[in-house]
Amino acid sequence: MAHLPIEIDATEAPAFLRWIVRGEWPSIAEMGEVRARLIASGQLTATTRALFDLRNVETVPGYHEVAPMIVAAMKVGGWPRYRGYIVGSALQFGLVQQMKALAPPEIRVDVFFDELEANTWLRSATTSRP
């Protein structure tokens, strides 16, 4: 198996996961593989909150690829349902804003440049949508 560009910090699982993505943007299949492994191990559940650190991603998918990514995630429940994304560029910010716009109502997504702000939001997010 090829090395995935995703590192998971599951220290606080299943309540909280940290996904660190580096290098090339992972494919839908790679993201699905990681998600399936976390679900099977009980580290990713319906109530898990996840912080996605994208600051070291070298490439991002095109906007036309976002809808298929959301569809693929929703096929397996859309977990994690609470997602905070830390970004380091305007391009990454735009990508996550598109994810947020396309996410179904049961998925909470927000995007941040500041890690502390992202962590605070994620740990205090409620089920109601703004």
N, C-alpha and C. Protein backbone atom coordinates (compact mmCIF):
# COMPACT_ATOMS: atom_id res chain seq x y z
N MET A 1 0.84 -1.17 0.00
CA MET A 1 0.00 0.00 0.00
C MET A 1 0.89 1.24 0.00
N ALA A 2 0.55 2.22 -0.81
CA ALA A 2 1.28 3.47 -0.87
C ALA A 2 1.06 4.26 0.41
N HIS A 3 2.03 5.08 0.73
CA HIS A 3 1.92 5.94 1.91
C HIS A 3 0.84 7.00 1.68
N LEU A 4 -0.12 7.06 2.58
CA LEU A 4 -1.19 8.05 2.46
C LEU A 4 -0.70 9.40 2.98
N PRO A 5 -1.18 10.48 2.38
CA PRO A 5 -0.76 11.81 2.82
C PRO A 5 -1.53 12.29 4.04
N ILE A 6 -2.12 11.37 4.79
CA ILE A 6 -2.96 11.72 5.93
C ILE A 6 -2.38 11.09 7.19
N GLU A 7 -2.20 11.91 8.21
CA GLU A 7 -1.77 11.43 9.52
C GLU A 7 -2.91 11.70 10.48
N ILE A 8 -3.23 10.73 11.33
CA ILE A 8 -4.33 10.88 12.28
C ILE A 8 -3.78 10.90 13.70
N ASP A 9 -4.19 11.91 14.46
CA ASP A 9 -3.91 11.95 15.89
C ASP A 9 -5.22 11.56 16.57
N ALA A 10 -5.25 10.35 17.11
CA ALA A 10 -6.46 9.81 17.73
C ALA A 10 -6.34 9.77 19.26
N THR A 11 -5.49 10.62 19.81
CA THR A 11 -5.27 10.66 21.25
C THR A 11 -6.57 10.81 22.04
N GLU A 12 -7.50 11.61 21.52
CA GLU A 12 -8.76 11.86 22.22
C GLU A 12 -9.95 11.15 21.59
N ALA A 13 -9.69 10.19 20.72
CA ALA A 13 -10.76 9.48 20.02
C ALA A 13 -11.58 8.66 21.01
N PRO A 14 -12.88 8.50 20.78
CA PRO A 14 -13.62 8.92 19.60
C PRO A 14 -14.21 10.33 19.69
N ALA A 15 -13.99 11.04 20.79
CA ALA A 15 -14.59 12.37 20.92
C ALA A 15 -13.99 13.36 19.92
N PHE A 16 -12.68 13.27 19.69
CA PHE A 16 -11.99 14.26 18.88
C PHE A 16 -10.87 13.60 18.09
N LEU A 17 -10.78 13.92 16.81
CA LEU A 17 -9.69 13.45 15.95
C LEU A 17 -9.03 14.64 15.28
N ARG A 18 -7.76 14.51 15.05
CA ARG A 18 -7.02 15.52 14.28
C ARG A 18 -6.48 14.84 13.03
N TRP A 19 -6.86 15.35 11.86
CA TRP A 19 -6.38 14.85 10.58
C TRP A 19 -5.36 15.84 10.06
N ILE A 20 -4.16 15.40 9.80
CA ILE A 20 -3.12 16.26 9.25
C ILE A 20 -2.83 15.76 7.84
N VAL A 21 -3.07 16.64 6.87
CA VAL A 21 -2.90 16.27 5.47
C VAL A 21 -1.69 17.03 4.94
N ARG A 22 -0.77 16.27 4.31
CA ARG A 22 0.47 16.86 3.78
C ARG A 22 0.65 16.43 2.33
N GLY A 23 1.33 17.30 1.58
CA GLY A 23 1.67 16.93 0.20
C GLY A 23 0.48 17.02 -0.73
N GLU A 24 0.36 16.02 -1.58
CA GLU A 24 -0.73 15.97 -2.55
C GLU A 24 -2.06 15.74 -1.85
N TRP A 25 -3.11 16.37 -2.37
CA TRP A 25 -4.45 16.16 -1.82
C TRP A 25 -4.81 14.69 -1.97
N PRO A 26 -5.33 14.05 -0.92
CA PRO A 26 -5.69 12.62 -1.01
C PRO A 26 -6.89 12.41 -1.94
N SER A 27 -6.90 11.27 -2.58
CA SER A 27 -8.01 10.92 -3.46
C SER A 27 -9.25 10.57 -2.63
N ILE A 28 -10.37 10.51 -3.31
CA ILE A 28 -11.61 10.09 -2.64
C ILE A 28 -11.43 8.70 -2.04
N ALA A 29 -10.76 7.81 -2.77
CA ALA A 29 -10.53 6.45 -2.28
C ALA A 29 -9.64 6.45 -1.04
N GLU A 30 -8.60 7.29 -1.03
CA GLU A 30 -7.71 7.36 0.13
C GLU A 30 -8.45 7.89 1.36
N MET A 31 -9.25 8.94 1.17
CA MET A 31 -10.04 9.47 2.29
C MET A 31 -11.02 8.41 2.80
N GLY A 32 -11.64 7.70 1.87
CA GLY A 32 -12.57 6.64 2.24
C GLY A 32 -11.90 5.53 3.02
N GLU A 33 -10.69 5.19 2.61
CA GLU A 33 -9.93 4.14 3.29
C GLU A 33 -9.63 4.54 4.73
N VAL A 34 -9.19 5.76 4.94
CA VAL A 34 -8.90 6.25 6.29
C VAL A 34 -10.18 6.29 7.11
N ARG A 35 -11.25 6.83 6.55
CA ARG A 35 -12.53 6.91 7.25
C ARG A 35 -13.01 5.51 7.66
N ALA A 36 -12.95 4.56 6.73
CA ALA A 36 -13.40 3.19 7.02
C ALA A 36 -12.57 2.56 8.13
N ARG A 37 -11.28 2.78 8.11
CA ARG A 37 -10.40 2.22 9.14
C ARG A 37 -10.73 2.80 10.51
N LEU A 38 -10.99 4.12 10.55
CA LEU A 38 -11.32 4.77 11.82
C LEU A 38 -12.68 4.32 12.35
N ILE A 39 -13.64 4.14 11.46
CA ILE A 39 -14.96 3.66 11.87
C ILE A 39 -14.86 2.23 12.40
N ALA A 40 -14.13 1.38 11.68
CA ALA A 40 -13.99 -0.03 12.09
C ALA A 40 -13.31 -0.16 13.45
N SER A 41 -12.39 0.75 13.75
CA SER A 41 -11.67 0.69 15.03
C SER A 41 -12.41 1.39 16.16
N GLY A 42 -13.56 2.02 15.84
CA GLY A 42 -14.34 2.72 16.86
C GLY A 42 -13.81 4.10 17.19
N GLN A 43 -12.83 4.59 16.44
CA GLN A 43 -12.27 5.90 16.71
C GLN A 43 -13.08 7.03 16.05
N LEU A 44 -13.89 6.70 15.06
CA LEU A 44 -14.74 7.68 14.38
C LEU A 44 -16.18 7.22 14.52
N THR A 45 -16.98 8.05 15.20
CA THR A 45 -18.37 7.70 15.46
C THR A 45 -19.27 8.87 15.01
N ALA A 46 -20.55 8.72 15.21
CA ALA A 46 -21.51 9.76 14.83
C ALA A 46 -21.28 11.06 15.60
N THR A 47 -20.64 11.00 16.76
CA THR A 47 -20.45 12.20 17.58
C THR A 47 -19.03 12.75 17.54
N THR A 48 -18.14 12.13 16.79
CA THR A 48 -16.75 12.59 16.71
C THR A 48 -16.67 13.98 16.08
N ARG A 49 -15.81 14.79 16.63
CA ARG A 49 -15.49 16.10 16.05
C ARG A 49 -14.06 16.00 15.53
N ALA A 50 -13.83 16.59 14.35
CA ALA A 50 -12.51 16.44 13.75
C ALA A 50 -11.94 17.78 13.29
N LEU A 51 -10.67 17.93 13.53
CA LEU A 51 -9.93 19.10 13.09
C LEU A 51 -9.04 18.63 11.92
N PHE A 52 -9.24 19.25 10.77
CA PHE A 52 -8.46 18.92 9.57
C PHE A 52 -7.42 20.02 9.36
N ASP A 53 -6.17 19.67 9.45
CA ASP A 53 -5.09 20.64 9.24
C ASP A 53 -4.60 20.51 7.80
N LEU A 54 -4.93 21.50 6.98
CA LEU A 54 -4.58 21.48 5.55
C LEU A 54 -3.41 22.41 5.23
N ARG A 55 -2.78 22.99 6.22
CA ARG A 55 -1.76 24.01 5.98
C ARG A 55 -0.58 23.50 5.16
N ASN A 56 -0.30 22.22 5.21
CA ASN A 56 0.85 21.68 4.47
C ASN A 56 0.44 20.90 3.22
N VAL A 57 -0.76 21.12 2.75
CA VAL A 57 -1.21 20.51 1.49
C VAL A 57 -0.60 21.30 0.34
N GLU A 58 -0.01 20.58 -0.60
CA GLU A 58 0.65 21.24 -1.73
C GLU A 58 -0.30 21.48 -2.90
N THR A 59 -1.31 20.64 -3.02
CA THR A 59 -2.28 20.78 -4.11
C THR A 59 -3.68 20.67 -3.53
N VAL A 60 -4.63 21.30 -4.18
CA VAL A 60 -6.02 21.15 -3.77
C VAL A 60 -6.83 20.73 -5.00
N PRO A 61 -7.90 20.00 -4.78
CA PRO A 61 -8.74 19.61 -5.92
C PRO A 61 -9.44 20.82 -6.51
N GLY A 62 -9.85 20.68 -7.75
CA GLY A 62 -10.62 21.74 -8.39
C GLY A 62 -12.00 21.82 -7.76
N TYR A 63 -12.62 22.97 -7.91
CA TYR A 63 -13.96 23.16 -7.34
C TYR A 63 -14.94 22.12 -7.88
N HIS A 64 -14.77 21.68 -9.12
CA HIS A 64 -15.67 20.70 -9.72
C HIS A 64 -15.54 19.32 -9.06
N GLU A 65 -14.48 19.12 -8.26
CA GLU A 65 -14.29 17.84 -7.58
C GLU A 65 -14.89 17.80 -6.18
N VAL A 66 -15.36 18.94 -5.69
CA VAL A 66 -15.86 19.00 -4.31
C VAL A 66 -17.17 18.23 -4.15
N ALA A 67 -18.12 18.40 -5.06
CA ALA A 67 -19.40 17.69 -4.94
C ALA A 67 -19.21 16.17 -4.90
N PRO A 68 -18.38 15.58 -5.78
CA PRO A 68 -18.16 14.13 -5.68
C PRO A 68 -17.52 13.71 -4.35
N MET A 69 -16.68 14.56 -3.78
CA MET A 69 -16.08 14.25 -2.47
C MET A 69 -17.16 14.20 -1.39
N ILE A 70 -18.09 15.14 -1.43
CA ILE A 70 -19.17 15.18 -0.44
C ILE A 70 -20.08 13.95 -0.61
N VAL A 71 -20.41 13.62 -1.85
CA VAL A 71 -21.25 12.45 -2.13
C VAL A 71 -20.60 11.19 -1.58
N ALA A 72 -19.29 11.03 -1.82
CA ALA A 72 -18.57 9.84 -1.34
C ALA A 72 -18.60 9.77 0.18
N ALA A 73 -18.38 10.89 0.85
CA ALA A 73 -18.40 10.90 2.32
C ALA A 73 -19.78 10.57 2.86
N MET A 74 -20.81 11.09 2.21
CA MET A 74 -22.18 10.86 2.69
C MET A 74 -22.62 9.42 2.52
N LYS A 75 -22.02 8.70 1.59
CA LYS A 75 -22.38 7.29 1.40
C LYS A 75 -22.06 6.47 2.63
N VAL A 76 -21.13 6.94 3.45
CA VAL A 76 -20.79 6.22 4.68
C VAL A 76 -21.14 7.06 5.91
N GLY A 77 -22.19 7.83 5.81
CA GLY A 77 -22.70 8.59 6.95
C GLY A 77 -22.17 10.00 7.10
N GLY A 78 -21.18 10.38 6.29
CA GLY A 78 -20.66 11.73 6.37
C GLY A 78 -19.78 12.00 7.57
N TRP A 79 -19.44 10.96 8.32
CA TRP A 79 -18.63 11.16 9.52
C TRP A 79 -17.24 11.63 9.14
N PRO A 80 -16.62 12.50 9.88
CA PRO A 80 -17.17 13.20 11.02
C PRO A 80 -18.16 14.29 10.62
N ARG A 81 -19.17 14.45 11.44
CA ARG A 81 -20.22 15.43 11.14
C ARG A 81 -19.84 16.85 11.56
N TYR A 82 -18.88 16.97 12.46
CA TYR A 82 -18.37 18.27 12.88
C TYR A 82 -16.93 18.37 12.40
N ARG A 83 -16.66 19.36 11.53
CA ARG A 83 -15.34 19.48 10.92
C ARG A 83 -14.86 20.92 10.95
N GLY A 84 -13.72 21.11 11.56
CA GLY A 84 -13.05 22.40 11.51
C GLY A 84 -11.82 22.24 10.65
N TYR A 85 -11.63 23.13 9.70
CA TYR A 85 -10.48 23.07 8.80
C TYR A 85 -9.55 24.24 9.07
N ILE A 86 -8.27 23.94 9.25
CA ILE A 86 -7.25 24.97 9.37
C ILE A 86 -6.56 25.06 8.01
N VAL A 87 -6.51 26.26 7.46
CA VAL A 87 -5.91 26.46 6.14
C VAL A 87 -4.79 27.49 6.21
N GLY A 88 -3.96 27.46 5.17
CA GLY A 88 -2.84 28.38 5.13
C GLY A 88 -2.81 29.25 3.89
N SER A 89 -3.83 29.13 3.04
CA SER A 89 -3.84 29.93 1.81
C SER A 89 -5.28 30.29 1.42
N ALA A 90 -5.38 31.29 0.58
CA ALA A 90 -6.69 31.69 0.08
C ALA A 90 -7.31 30.58 -0.76
N LEU A 91 -6.50 29.85 -1.50
CA LEU A 91 -7.00 28.75 -2.32
C LEU A 91 -7.61 27.65 -1.44
N GLN A 92 -6.92 27.31 -0.37
CA GLN A 92 -7.45 26.31 0.56
C GLN A 92 -8.73 26.83 1.22
N PHE A 93 -8.73 28.10 1.58
CA PHE A 93 -9.91 28.71 2.19
C PHE A 93 -11.10 28.60 1.24
N GLY A 94 -10.91 28.94 -0.03
CA GLY A 94 -11.98 28.86 -1.02
C GLY A 94 -12.51 27.45 -1.18
N LEU A 95 -11.61 26.47 -1.17
CA LEU A 95 -12.02 25.07 -1.29
C LEU A 95 -12.93 24.67 -0.13
N VAL A 96 -12.52 25.00 1.08
CA VAL A 96 -13.31 24.62 2.25
C VAL A 96 -14.63 25.39 2.28
N GLN A 97 -14.63 26.63 1.83
CA GLN A 97 -15.88 27.38 1.76
C GLN A 97 -16.86 26.67 0.81
N GLN A 98 -16.34 26.11 -0.28
CA GLN A 98 -17.20 25.37 -1.19
C GLN A 98 -17.73 24.10 -0.51
N MET A 99 -16.86 23.41 0.23
CA MET A 99 -17.31 22.23 0.98
C MET A 99 -18.44 22.62 1.93
N LYS A 100 -18.24 23.73 2.63
CA LYS A 100 -19.24 24.21 3.59
C LYS A 100 -20.56 24.50 2.89
N ALA A 101 -20.51 25.14 1.73
CA ALA A 101 -21.72 25.49 0.99
C ALA A 101 -22.46 24.25 0.49
N LEU A 102 -21.73 23.21 0.14
CA LEU A 102 -22.35 22.00 -0.41
C LEU A 102 -22.70 20.95 0.64
N ALA A 103 -22.22 21.13 1.85
CA ALA A 103 -22.47 20.14 2.90
C ALA A 103 -23.95 20.08 3.24
N PRO A 104 -24.47 18.86 3.42
CA PRO A 104 -25.87 18.73 3.85
C PRO A 104 -26.06 19.33 5.25
N PRO A 105 -27.30 19.62 5.63
CA PRO A 105 -27.56 20.31 6.90
C PRO A 105 -27.01 19.60 8.14
N GLU A 106 -26.88 18.28 8.09
CA GLU A 106 -26.41 17.57 9.29
C GLU A 106 -24.89 17.64 9.47
N ILE A 107 -24.18 18.19 8.51
CA ILE A 107 -22.73 18.31 8.59
C ILE A 107 -22.37 19.76 8.90
N ARG A 108 -21.60 19.96 9.97
CA ARG A 108 -21.13 21.30 10.34
C ARG A 108 -19.69 21.45 9.88
N VAL A 109 -19.42 22.48 9.12
CA VAL A 109 -18.08 22.76 8.58
C VAL A 109 -17.78 24.23 8.81
N ASP A 110 -16.55 24.51 9.23
CA ASP A 110 -16.09 25.89 9.23
C ASP A 110 -14.60 25.89 8.94
N VAL A 111 -14.11 27.05 8.52
CA VAL A 111 -12.72 27.18 8.06
C VAL A 111 -12.03 28.31 8.82
N PHE A 112 -10.77 28.08 9.14
CA PHE A 112 -10.01 29.01 9.97
C PHE A 112 -8.57 29.09 9.49
N PHE A 113 -7.96 30.25 9.71
CA PHE A 113 -6.52 30.39 9.52
C PHE A 113 -5.80 30.18 10.85
N ASP A 114 -6.51 30.34 11.95
CA ASP A 114 -5.94 30.25 13.29
C ASP A 114 -6.32 28.93 13.95
N GLU A 115 -5.33 28.17 14.37
CA GLU A 115 -5.56 26.85 14.96
C GLU A 115 -6.33 26.92 16.27
N LEU A 116 -6.01 27.86 17.12
CA LEU A 116 -6.71 27.99 18.40
C LEU A 116 -8.18 28.32 18.18
N GLU A 117 -8.46 29.22 17.26
CA GLU A 117 -9.84 29.57 16.95
C GLU A 117 -10.61 28.36 16.41
N ALA A 118 -9.96 27.59 15.55
CA ALA A 118 -10.60 26.38 14.98
C ALA A 118 -10.91 25.38 16.08
N ASN A 119 -9.96 25.16 16.95
CA ASN A 119 -10.11 24.21 18.04
C ASN A 119 -11.23 24.64 18.99
N THR A 120 -11.27 25.92 19.32
CA THR A 120 -12.32 26.45 20.20
C THR A 120 -13.69 26.26 19.57
N TRP A 121 -13.83 26.64 18.29
CA TRP A 121 -15.12 26.49 17.60
C TRP A 121 -15.55 25.02 17.58
N LEU A 122 -14.64 24.16 17.22
CA LEU A 122 -14.97 22.75 17.05
C LEU A 122 -15.43 22.11 18.36
N ARG A 123 -14.77 22.44 19.41
CA ARG A 123 -15.11 21.83 20.70
C ARG A 123 -16.37 22.42 21.32
N SER A 124 -16.82 23.57 20.82
CA SER A 124 -18.04 24.18 21.36
C SER A 124 -19.19 24.22 20.36
N ALA A 125 -18.99 23.72 19.14
CA ALA A 125 -20.04 23.74 18.12
C ALA A 125 -21.26 22.97 18.61
N THR A 126 -22.42 23.49 18.26
CA THR A 126 -23.67 22.84 18.64
C THR A 126 -24.33 22.26 17.40
N THR A 127 -25.39 21.54 17.61
CA THR A 127 -26.05 20.87 16.50
C THR A 127 -26.86 21.82 15.63
N SER A 128 -27.16 23.00 16.11
CA SER A 128 -27.94 23.94 15.30
C SER A 128 -27.04 24.62 14.28
N ARG A 129 -27.59 24.86 13.10
CA ARG A 129 -26.80 25.53 12.06
C ARG A 129 -27.05 27.03 12.18
N PRO A 130 -26.01 27.80 11.86
CA PRO A 130 -26.16 29.26 11.95
C PRO A 130 -27.16 29.78 10.95
